[in-house]
Amino acid sequence: MGAGAKHRLVFVDRLLATLVHLRHSATHDVLACWFDVDRSTITRAIGEVRPLLAERGCTVSPGVRLRTLAEVIDHLGADGKTGIVDGTEIRVRRPASGRKDRDKFISGKTKQNAVKAMVLTAGDGRVLFCSPAKPGSCADITHARQLGLVKLPADGPAVEILADAGYQGLGAQTGGRMVTPPHRKFKKTPPDWYEEIHERQRKAHSSRRIRVEHGIAHLKNWRALARHLGRREHMSDIVQAVAGLLSHQQTADLIPARQS
């Protein structure tokens, strides 16, 4: 027989405790009372299960999961589908005074301490990929380059990826595969006809790209991503775990529609 302490929580209970913590942001103390165990048992259970959920990837069909950005690009190219990319920020605790990297978590957009993740969805808003978290000061376009969103589409299959103005310039670098809002050719006193055309093109792009905002909104329904008060080092596991769980639910919701 193996030595050492035994788990008082079976795996199903550990999984349930982790899901409740992510979905409703229940504290470890509350969960410990619920399961009638010590707080440290809940902390250990969540610490063990959360990375397992993060490694599952995003479900696109029963039994098929996408774990890397390269797999997502290949999936979109093989099926001839459009992808939509955007960044999302999650508020976190302010780093302690005196830390050298304290300022890097301040978002230039919201002026708050945050971490940032890049979300890629299908054209219908289904989540296909969620990146590890980066400090809030990292620009969207820099994060995309670091993840390989320039090299992978340029060297991979023909695929269309819609993005907002934060990714301007990647269209040329990806051979036109990354589609961003149209540039304004007239900086000052544009003709009336140009304003009308530009506004029409901008709205057409925005109406297609808005689905990624819906996907991000579903992610933010999980309280752990609305605002995180725990350790910032855990945010990468949290965002990827929630993205995988949400994609699995979205796939399950589509199965009856396909069978009908």
C-alpha atoms as a PDB file:
ATOM      1  CA  MET A   1       0.000   0.000   0.000  1.00  0.00           C
ATOM      2  CA  GLY A   2       1.201   3.526  -0.733  1.00  0.00           C
ATOM      3  CA  ALA A   3       2.412   5.704   2.094  1.00  0.00           C
ATOM      4  CA  GLY A   4       1.405   9.276   2.822  1.00  0.00           C
ATOM      5  CA  ALA A   5      -1.778  11.138   3.549  1.00  0.00           C
ATOM      6  CA  LYS A   6      -4.884  10.193   1.603  1.00  0.00           C
ATOM      7  CA  HIS A   7      -7.261  12.634  -0.071  1.00  0.00           C
ATOM      8  CA  ARG A   8     -10.436  13.216   1.891  1.00  0.00           C
ATOM      9  CA  LEU A   9     -11.996  14.486  -1.317  1.00  0.00           C
ATOM     10  CA  VAL A  10     -12.502  12.120  -4.222  1.00  0.00           C
ATOM     11  CA  PHE A  11     -11.608  13.492  -7.647  1.00  0.00           C
ATOM     12  CA  VAL A  12     -15.207  14.361  -8.534  1.00  0.00           C
ATOM     13  CA  ASP A  13     -15.488  16.503  -5.398  1.00  0.00           C
ATOM     14  CA  ARG A  14     -12.145  18.171  -6.106  1.00  0.00           C
ATOM     15  CA  LEU A  15     -13.318  18.953  -9.637  1.00  0.00           C
ATOM     16  CA  LEU A  16     -16.626  20.300  -8.339  1.00  0.00           C
ATOM     17  CA  ALA A  17     -14.871  22.527  -5.806  1.00  0.00           C
ATOM     18  CA  THR A  18     -12.636  23.933  -8.552  1.00  0.00           C
ATOM     19  CA  LEU A  19     -15.565  24.627 -10.875  1.00  0.00           C
ATOM     20  CA  VAL A  20     -17.541  26.399  -8.156  1.00  0.00           C
ATOM     21  CA  HIS A  21     -14.480  28.466  -7.270  1.00  0.00           C
ATOM     22  CA  LEU A  22     -13.958  29.522 -10.912  1.00  0.00           C
ATOM     23  CA  ARG A  23     -17.615  30.105 -11.728  1.00  0.00           C
ATOM     24  CA  HIS A  24     -18.759  31.901  -8.583  1.00  0.00           C
ATOM     25  CA  SER A  25     -15.452  32.971  -7.009  1.00  0.00           C
ATOM     26  CA  ALA A  26     -16.360  31.175  -3.783  1.00  0.00           C
ATOM     27  CA  THR A  27     -13.553  31.450  -1.242  1.00  0.00           C
ATOM     28  CA  HIS A  28     -11.595  28.437  -0.046  1.00  0.00           C
ATOM     29  CA  ASP A  29     -13.045  28.901   3.435  1.00  0.00           C
ATOM     30  CA  VAL A  30     -16.619  28.650   2.140  1.00  0.00           C
ATOM     31  CA  LEU A  31     -15.814  25.579   0.056  1.00  0.00           C
ATOM     32  CA  ALA A  32     -14.105  23.960   3.035  1.00  0.00           C
ATOM     33  CA  CYS A  33     -17.299  24.371   5.070  1.00  0.00           C
ATOM     34  CA  TRP A  34     -19.379  23.026   2.224  1.00  0.00           C
ATOM     35  CA  PHE A  35     -17.294  19.860   1.800  1.00  0.00           C
ATOM     36  CA  ASP A  36     -16.565  19.557   5.531  1.00  0.00           C
ATOM     37  CA  VAL A  37     -12.786  19.528   5.093  1.00  0.00           C
ATOM     38  CA  ASP A  38      -9.909  21.766   6.084  1.00  0.00           C
ATOM     39  CA  ARG A  39      -9.200  24.888   4.062  1.00  0.00           C
ATOM     40  CA  SER A  40      -5.787  23.561   3.038  1.00  0.00           C
ATOM     41  CA  THR A  41      -7.491  20.535   1.468  1.00  0.00           C
ATOM     42  CA  ILE A  42      -9.535  22.807  -0.798  1.00  0.00           C
ATOM     43  CA  THR A  43      -6.469  24.888  -1.672  1.00  0.00           C
ATOM     44  CA  ARG A  44      -4.531  21.774  -2.630  1.00  0.00           C
ATOM     45  CA  ALA A  45      -7.458  20.383  -4.640  1.00  0.00           C
ATOM     46  CA  ILE A  46      -7.883  23.571  -6.678  1.00  0.00           C
ATOM     47  CA  GLY A  47      -4.137  23.834  -7.219  1.00  0.00           C
ATOM     48  CA  GLU A  48      -4.088  20.304  -8.622  1.00  0.00           C
ATOM     49  CA  VAL A  49      -7.220  20.432 -10.795  1.00  0.00           C
ATOM     50  CA  ARG A  50      -6.895  23.917 -12.294  1.00  0.00           C
ATOM     51  CA  PRO A  51      -3.756  23.124 -14.384  1.00  0.00           C
ATOM     52  CA  LEU A  52      -5.440  19.955 -15.652  1.00  0.00           C
ATOM     53  CA  LEU A  53      -8.381  21.997 -16.903  1.00  0.00           C
ATOM     54  CA  ALA A  54      -6.028  24.520 -18.526  1.00  0.00           C
ATOM     55  CA  GLU A  55      -4.272  21.754 -20.481  1.00  0.00           C
ATOM     56  CA  ARG A  56      -7.492  20.406 -21.990  1.00  0.00           C
ATOM     57  CA  GLY A  57      -7.670  23.022 -24.733  1.00  0.00           C
ATOM     58  CA  CYS A  58     -10.818  24.270 -26.467  1.00  0.00           C
ATOM     59  CA  THR A  59     -13.391  21.800 -27.757  1.00  0.00           C
ATOM     60  CA  VAL A  60     -14.516  22.253 -31.376  1.00  0.00           C
ATOM     61  CA  SER A  61     -16.378  18.951 -31.760  1.00  0.00           C
ATOM     62  CA  PRO A  62     -16.925  15.899 -29.545  1.00  0.00           C
ATOM     63  CA  GLY A  63     -13.497  14.410 -28.860  1.00  0.00           C
ATOM     64  CA  VAL A  64     -11.567  17.076 -30.791  1.00  0.00           C
ATOM     65  CA  ARG A  65      -9.722  19.838 -28.917  1.00  0.00           C
ATOM     66  CA  LEU A  66      -7.401  22.648 -29.984  1.00  0.00           C
ATOM     67  CA  ARG A  67      -4.556  23.301 -27.570  1.00  0.00           C
ATOM     68  CA  THR A  68      -2.193  25.605 -29.470  1.00  0.00           C
ATOM     69  CA  LEU A  69      -2.557  28.630 -31.717  1.00  0.00           C
ATOM     70  CA  ALA A  70      -1.001  26.670 -34.594  1.00  0.00           C
ATOM     71  CA  GLU A  71      -3.749  24.042 -34.294  1.00  0.00           C
ATOM     72  CA  VAL A  72      -6.389  26.790 -34.364  1.00  0.00           C
ATOM     73  CA  ILE A  73      -4.951  28.340 -37.546  1.00  0.00           C
ATOM     74  CA  ASP A  74      -4.838  24.917 -39.230  1.00  0.00           C
ATOM     75  CA  HIS A  75      -8.425  24.224 -38.137  1.00  0.00           C
ATOM     76  CA  LEU A  76      -9.693  27.513 -39.560  1.00  0.00           C
ATOM     77  CA  GLY A  77      -7.790  27.020 -42.803  1.00  0.00           C
ATOM     78  CA  ALA A  78      -8.966  23.433 -43.287  1.00  0.00           C
ATOM     79  CA  ASP A  79     -12.619  24.350 -42.784  1.00  0.00           C
ATOM     80  CA  GLY A  80     -12.448  27.673 -44.643  1.00  0.00           C
ATOM     81  CA  LYS A  81     -13.736  29.545 -41.621  1.00  0.00           C
ATOM     82  CA  THR A  82     -13.077  33.073 -40.391  1.00  0.00           C
ATOM     83  CA  GLY A  83     -11.413  33.716 -37.052  1.00  0.00           C
ATOM     84  CA  ILE A  84     -11.796  36.814 -34.891  1.00  0.00           C
ATOM     85  CA  VAL A  85      -9.163  37.975 -32.414  1.00  0.00           C
ATOM     86  CA  ASP A  86      -9.228  40.512 -29.602  1.00  0.00           C
ATOM     87  CA  GLY A  87      -7.574  41.176 -26.277  1.00  0.00           C
ATOM     88  CA  THR A  88      -9.312  41.270 -22.929  1.00  0.00           C
ATOM     89  CA  GLU A  89      -8.150  42.602 -19.579  1.00  0.00           C
ATOM     90  CA  ILE A  90      -8.815  41.222 -16.101  1.00  0.00           C
ATOM     91  CA  ARG A  91      -8.365  43.410 -13.032  1.00  0.00           C
ATOM     92  CA  VAL A  92      -5.927  42.072 -10.448  1.00  0.00           C
ATOM     93  CA  ARG A  93      -4.566  43.152  -7.086  1.00  0.00           C
ATOM     94  CA  ARG A  94      -2.034  45.967  -7.083  1.00  0.00           C
ATOM     95  CA  PRO A  95       1.507  44.621  -6.613  1.00  0.00           C
ATOM     96  CA  ALA A  96       3.154  45.358  -3.287  1.00  0.00           C
ATOM     97  CA  SER A  97       4.995  48.630  -2.854  1.00  0.00           C
ATOM     98  CA  GLY A  98       8.682  48.415  -3.713  1.00  0.00           C
ATOM     99  CA  ARG A  99       8.409  45.675  -6.382  1.00  0.00           C
ATOM    100  CA  LYS A 100      10.556  46.469  -9.406  1.00  0.00           C
ATOM    101  CA  ASP A 101       7.879  45.287 -11.837  1.00  0.00           C
ATOM    102  CA  ARG A 102       5.010  47.034 -10.082  1.00  0.00           C
ATOM    103  CA  ASP A 103       4.237  49.413 -12.966  1.00  0.00           C
ATOM    104  CA  LYS A 104       4.071  46.752 -15.670  1.00  0.00           C
ATOM    105  CA  PHE A 105       0.614  45.640 -14.549  1.00  0.00           C
ATOM    106  CA  ILE A 106      -0.899  49.102 -15.131  1.00  0.00           C
ATOM    107  CA  SER A 107      -3.050  49.051 -18.248  1.00  0.00           C
ATOM    108  CA  GLY A 108      -2.681  52.023 -20.562  1.00  0.00           C
ATOM    109  CA  LYS A 109      -6.314  51.589 -21.606  1.00  0.00           C
ATOM    110  CA  THR A 110      -8.107  51.359 -18.257  1.00  0.00           C
ATOM    111  CA  LYS A 111      -5.417  52.910 -16.011  1.00  0.00           C
ATOM    112  CA  GLN A 112      -5.912  49.989 -13.607  1.00  0.00           C
ATOM    113  CA  ASN A 113      -3.819  47.036 -12.522  1.00  0.00           C
ATOM    114  CA  ALA A 114      -4.665  44.211 -14.875  1.00  0.00           C
ATOM    115  CA  VAL A 115      -3.462  41.226 -16.834  1.00  0.00           C
ATOM    116  CA  LYS A 116      -4.257  40.701 -20.492  1.00  0.00           C
ATOM    117  CA  ALA A 117      -5.184  37.630 -22.542  1.00  0.00           C
ATOM    118  CA  MET A 118      -5.736  37.237 -26.278  1.00  0.00           C
ATOM    119  CA  VAL A 119      -8.953  35.470 -27.294  1.00  0.00           C
ATOM    120  CA  LEU A 120      -9.561  33.959 -30.729  1.00  0.00           C
ATOM    121  CA  THR A 121     -13.069  32.868 -31.661  1.00  0.00           C
ATOM    122  CA  ALA A 122     -14.768  31.451 -34.719  1.00  0.00           C
ATOM    123  CA  GLY A 123     -17.025  33.648 -36.840  1.00  0.00           C
ATOM    124  CA  ASP A 124     -20.020  32.682 -34.704  1.00  0.00           C
ATOM    125  CA  GLY A 125     -18.287  33.677 -31.450  1.00  0.00           C
ATOM    126  CA  ARG A 126     -17.286  30.198 -30.277  1.00  0.00           C
ATOM    127  CA  VAL A 127     -14.060  30.319 -28.275  1.00  0.00           C
ATOM    128  CA  LEU A 128     -11.195  28.506 -30.015  1.00  0.00           C
ATOM    129  CA  PHE A 129      -8.146  29.780 -28.135  1.00  0.00           C
ATOM    130  CA  CYS A 130      -7.240  31.820 -25.086  1.00  0.00           C
ATOM    131  CA  SER A 131      -3.624  32.766 -24.505  1.00  0.00           C
ATOM    132  CA  PRO A 132      -1.667  32.774 -21.251  1.00  0.00           C
ATOM    133  CA  ALA A 133      -2.009  36.034 -19.346  1.00  0.00           C
ATOM    134  CA  LYS A 134       0.450  38.891 -19.776  1.00  0.00           C
ATOM    135  CA  PRO A 135       0.851  42.068 -17.678  1.00  0.00           C
ATOM    136  CA  GLY A 136      -1.631  44.795 -18.585  1.00  0.00           C
ATOM    137  CA  SER A 137       1.016  47.152 -19.986  1.00  0.00           C
ATOM    138  CA  CYS A 138       1.665  44.789 -22.913  1.00  0.00           C
ATOM    139  CA  ALA A 139       0.108  46.131 -26.130  1.00  0.00           C
ATOM    140  CA  ASP A 140      -2.317  43.931 -28.054  1.00  0.00           C
ATOM    141  CA  ILE A 141      -0.167  43.913 -31.182  1.00  0.00           C
ATOM    142  CA  THR A 142       2.975  43.044 -29.198  1.00  0.00           C
ATOM    143  CA  HIS A 143       1.183  40.180 -27.484  1.00  0.00           C
ATOM    144  CA  ALA A 144      -0.023  38.881 -30.858  1.00  0.00           C
ATOM    145  CA  ARG A 145       3.494  38.921 -32.286  1.00  0.00           C
ATOM    146  CA  GLN A 146       4.889  37.124 -29.243  1.00  0.00           C
ATOM    147  CA  LEU A 147       2.261  34.384 -29.603  1.00  0.00           C
ATOM    148  CA  GLY A 148       3.112  33.889 -33.278  1.00  0.00           C
ATOM    149  CA  LEU A 149      -0.043  35.393 -34.766  1.00  0.00           C
ATOM    150  CA  VAL A 150       2.060  36.987 -37.512  1.00  0.00           C
ATOM    151  CA  LYS A 151       4.243  34.052 -38.503  1.00  0.00           C
ATOM    152  CA  LEU A 152       1.619  31.308 -38.243  1.00  0.00           C
ATOM    153  CA  PRO A 153      -0.960  32.823 -40.650  1.00  0.00           C
ATOM    154  CA  ALA A 154       1.720  34.062 -43.048  1.00  0.00           C
ATOM    155  CA  ASP A 155       3.337  30.609 -43.318  1.00  0.00           C
ATOM    156  CA  GLY A 156       0.158  28.572 -42.892  1.00  0.00           C
ATOM    157  CA  PRO A 157      -3.046  27.954 -44.841  1.00  0.00           C
ATOM    158  CA  ALA A 158      -5.192  30.665 -46.385  1.00  0.00           C
ATOM    159  CA  VAL A 159      -7.283  31.980 -43.517  1.00  0.00           C
ATOM    160  CA  GLU A 160      -9.083  35.219 -42.687  1.00  0.00           C
ATOM    161  CA  ILE A 161      -8.692  36.664 -39.185  1.00  0.00           C
ATOM    162  CA  LEU A 162     -10.617  39.792 -38.229  1.00  0.00           C
ATOM    163  CA  ALA A 163      -9.112  42.206 -35.705  1.00  0.00           C
ATOM    164  CA  ASP A 164      -9.702  45.716 -34.392  1.00  0.00           C
ATOM    165  CA  ALA A 165      -7.546  48.822 -34.818  1.00  0.00           C
ATOM    166  CA  GLY A 166      -5.198  47.648 -32.053  1.00  0.00           C
ATOM    167  CA  TYR A 167      -3.703  45.214 -34.582  1.00  0.00           C
ATOM    168  CA  GLN A 168      -3.233  47.745 -37.408  1.00  0.00           C
ATOM    169  CA  GLY A 169      -0.217  46.853 -39.503  1.00  0.00           C
ATOM    170  CA  LEU A 170      -0.456  43.086 -39.178  1.00  0.00           C
ATOM    171  CA  GLY A 171      -2.418  42.838 -42.420  1.00  0.00           C
ATOM    172  CA  ALA A 172       0.654  43.556 -44.539  1.00  0.00           C
ATOM    173  CA  GLN A 173       2.856  41.331 -42.374  1.00  0.00           C
ATOM    174  CA  THR A 174       0.497  38.355 -42.762  1.00  0.00           C
ATOM    175  CA  GLY A 175      -0.097  38.700 -46.500  1.00  0.00           C
ATOM    176  CA  GLY A 176      -3.581  40.110 -46.002  1.00  0.00           C
ATOM    177  CA  ARG A 177      -4.767  37.280 -43.775  1.00  0.00           C
ATOM    178  CA  MET A 178      -5.244  39.613 -40.824  1.00  0.00           C
ATOM    179  CA  VAL A 179      -8.052  42.055 -41.663  1.00  0.00           C
ATOM    180  CA  THR A 180      -8.230  45.278 -39.657  1.00  0.00           C
ATOM    181  CA  PRO A 181     -10.513  48.344 -39.989  1.00  0.00           C
ATOM    182  CA  PRO A 182      -9.848  50.525 -43.052  1.00  0.00           C
ATOM    183  CA  HIS A 183      -7.266  53.286 -42.787  1.00  0.00           C
ATOM    184  CA  ARG A 184      -8.304  56.911 -43.041  1.00  0.00           C
ATOM    185  CA  LYS A 185      -6.598  58.252 -46.142  1.00  0.00           C
ATOM    186  CA  PHE A 186      -7.615  61.864 -45.440  1.00  0.00           C
ATOM    187  CA  LYS A 187      -6.364  63.091 -42.090  1.00  0.00           C
ATOM    188  CA  LYS A 188      -7.773  66.610 -42.394  1.00  0.00           C
ATOM    189  CA  THR A 189     -10.937  67.963 -44.041  1.00  0.00           C
ATOM    190  CA  PRO A 190     -11.938  64.726 -45.805  1.00  0.00           C
ATOM    191  CA  PRO A 191     -14.506  65.002 -48.631  1.00  0.00           C
ATOM    192  CA  ASP A 192     -18.068  64.138 -47.727  1.00  0.00           C
ATOM    193  CA  TRP A 193     -18.122  61.203 -50.158  1.00  0.00           C
ATOM    194  CA  TYR A 194     -15.044  59.708 -48.503  1.00  0.00           C
ATOM    195  CA  GLU A 195     -16.534  59.998 -45.014  1.00  0.00           C
ATOM    196  CA  GLU A 196     -19.604  58.090 -46.182  1.00  0.00           C
ATOM    197  CA  ILE A 197     -17.576  55.299 -47.790  1.00  0.00           C
ATOM    198  CA  HIS A 198     -15.190  55.007 -44.851  1.00  0.00           C
ATOM    199  CA  GLU A 199     -18.031  54.839 -42.345  1.00  0.00           C
ATOM    200  CA  ARG A 200     -19.786  52.155 -44.397  1.00  0.00           C
ATOM    201  CA  GLN A 201     -16.614  50.038 -44.562  1.00  0.00           C
ATOM    202  CA  ARG A 202     -15.922  50.522 -40.863  1.00  0.00           C
ATOM    203  CA  LYS A 203     -19.425  49.431 -39.861  1.00  0.00           C
ATOM    204  CA  ALA A 204     -19.279  46.401 -42.158  1.00  0.00           C
ATOM    205  CA  HIS A 205     -16.029  45.287 -40.506  1.00  0.00           C
ATOM    206  CA  SER A 206     -17.336  45.998 -37.016  1.00  0.00           C
ATOM    207  CA  SER A 207     -20.555  44.026 -37.576  1.00  0.00           C
ATOM    208  CA  ARG A 208     -18.497  40.930 -38.462  1.00  0.00           C
ATOM    209  CA  ARG A 209     -15.953  41.394 -35.685  1.00  0.00           C
ATOM    210  CA  ILE A 210     -18.497  41.976 -32.888  1.00  0.00           C
ATOM    211  CA  ARG A 211     -18.896  38.220 -32.292  1.00  0.00           C
ATOM    212  CA  VAL A 212     -15.570  38.056 -30.481  1.00  0.00           C
ATOM    213  CA  GLU A 213     -16.956  40.536 -27.948  1.00  0.00           C
ATOM    214  CA  HIS A 214     -19.823  38.124 -27.312  1.00  0.00           C
ATOM    215  CA  GLY A 215     -17.337  35.310 -26.707  1.00  0.00           C
ATOM    216  CA  ILE A 216     -15.356  37.455 -24.273  1.00  0.00           C
ATOM    217  CA  ALA A 217     -18.570  38.449 -22.489  1.00  0.00           C
ATOM    218  CA  HIS A 218     -19.356  34.770 -21.893  1.00  0.00           C
ATOM    219  CA  LEU A 219     -15.864  34.323 -20.423  1.00  0.00           C
ATOM    220  CA  LYS A 220     -16.404  37.262 -18.078  1.00  0.00           C
ATOM    221  CA  ASN A 221     -19.581  35.608 -16.750  1.00  0.00           C
ATOM    222  CA  TRP A 222     -17.190  33.427 -14.768  1.00  0.00           C
ATOM    223  CA  ARG A 223     -16.495  35.446 -11.645  1.00  0.00           C
ATOM    224  CA  ALA A 224     -12.831  34.436 -11.580  1.00  0.00           C
ATOM    225  CA  LEU A 225     -12.351  36.505 -14.755  1.00  0.00           C
ATOM    226  CA  ALA A 226     -14.488  39.468 -13.709  1.00  0.00           C
ATOM    227  CA  ARG A 227     -11.861  40.450 -11.140  1.00  0.00           C
ATOM    228  CA  HIS A 228      -9.141  38.290  -9.627  1.00  0.00           C
ATOM    229  CA  LEU A 229      -8.094  38.843  -6.029  1.00  0.00           C
ATOM    230  CA  GLY A 230      -5.749  35.866  -5.732  1.00  0.00           C
ATOM    231  CA  ARG A 231      -2.218  35.280  -6.957  1.00  0.00           C
ATOM    232  CA  ARG A 232      -1.484  36.846 -10.338  1.00  0.00           C
ATOM    233  CA  GLU A 233       0.739  33.892 -11.200  1.00  0.00           C
ATOM    234  CA  HIS A 234      -2.376  31.700 -11.447  1.00  0.00           C
ATOM    235  CA  MET A 235      -4.136  33.825 -14.060  1.00  0.00           C
ATOM    236  CA  SER A 236      -2.773  31.938 -17.078  1.00  0.00           C
ATOM    237  CA  ASP A 237      -4.205  28.657 -15.793  1.00  0.00           C
ATOM    238  CA  ILE A 238      -7.477  30.344 -14.871  1.00  0.00           C
ATOM    239  CA  VAL A 239      -8.182  32.008 -18.238  1.00  0.00           C
ATOM    240  CA  GLN A 240      -7.232  28.892 -20.195  1.00  0.00           C
ATOM    241  CA  ALA A 241      -9.265  26.627 -17.922  1.00  0.00           C
ATOM    242  CA  VAL A 242     -12.366  28.813 -18.232  1.00  0.00           C
ATOM    243  CA  ALA A 243     -11.941  29.092 -22.022  1.00  0.00           C
ATOM    244  CA  GLY A 244     -11.772  25.309 -22.318  1.00  0.00           C
ATOM    245  CA  LEU A 245     -14.839  24.812 -20.140  1.00  0.00           C
ATOM    246  CA  LEU A 246     -16.815  27.445 -22.058  1.00  0.00           C
ATOM    247  CA  SER A 247     -15.876  26.006 -25.461  1.00  0.00           C
ATOM    248  CA  HIS A 248     -16.973  22.551 -24.289  1.00  0.00           C
ATOM    249  CA  GLN A 249     -20.373  23.959 -23.274  1.00  0.00           C
ATOM    250  CA  GLN A 250     -20.734  25.853 -26.560  1.00  0.00           C
ATOM    251  CA  THR A 251     -20.000  22.658 -28.499  1.00  0.00           C
ATOM    252  CA  ALA A 252     -22.510  20.689 -26.429  1.00  0.00           C
ATOM    253  CA  ASP A 253     -25.167  23.347 -27.114  1.00  0.00           C
ATOM    254  CA  LEU A 254     -24.666  22.945 -30.873  1.00  0.00           C
ATOM    255  CA  ILE A 255     -25.028  19.156 -30.986  1.00  0.00           C
ATOM    256  CA  PRO A 256     -28.865  19.010 -30.774  1.00  0.00           C
ATOM    257  CA  ALA A 257     -29.132  21.743 -33.442  1.00  0.00           C
ATOM    258  CA  ARG A 258     -26.963  19.715 -35.810  1.00  0.00           C
ATOM    259  CA  GLN A 259     -28.957  16.557 -35.243  1.00  0.00           C
ATOM    260  CA  SER A 260     -32.343  18.198 -35.840  1.00  0.00           C
END
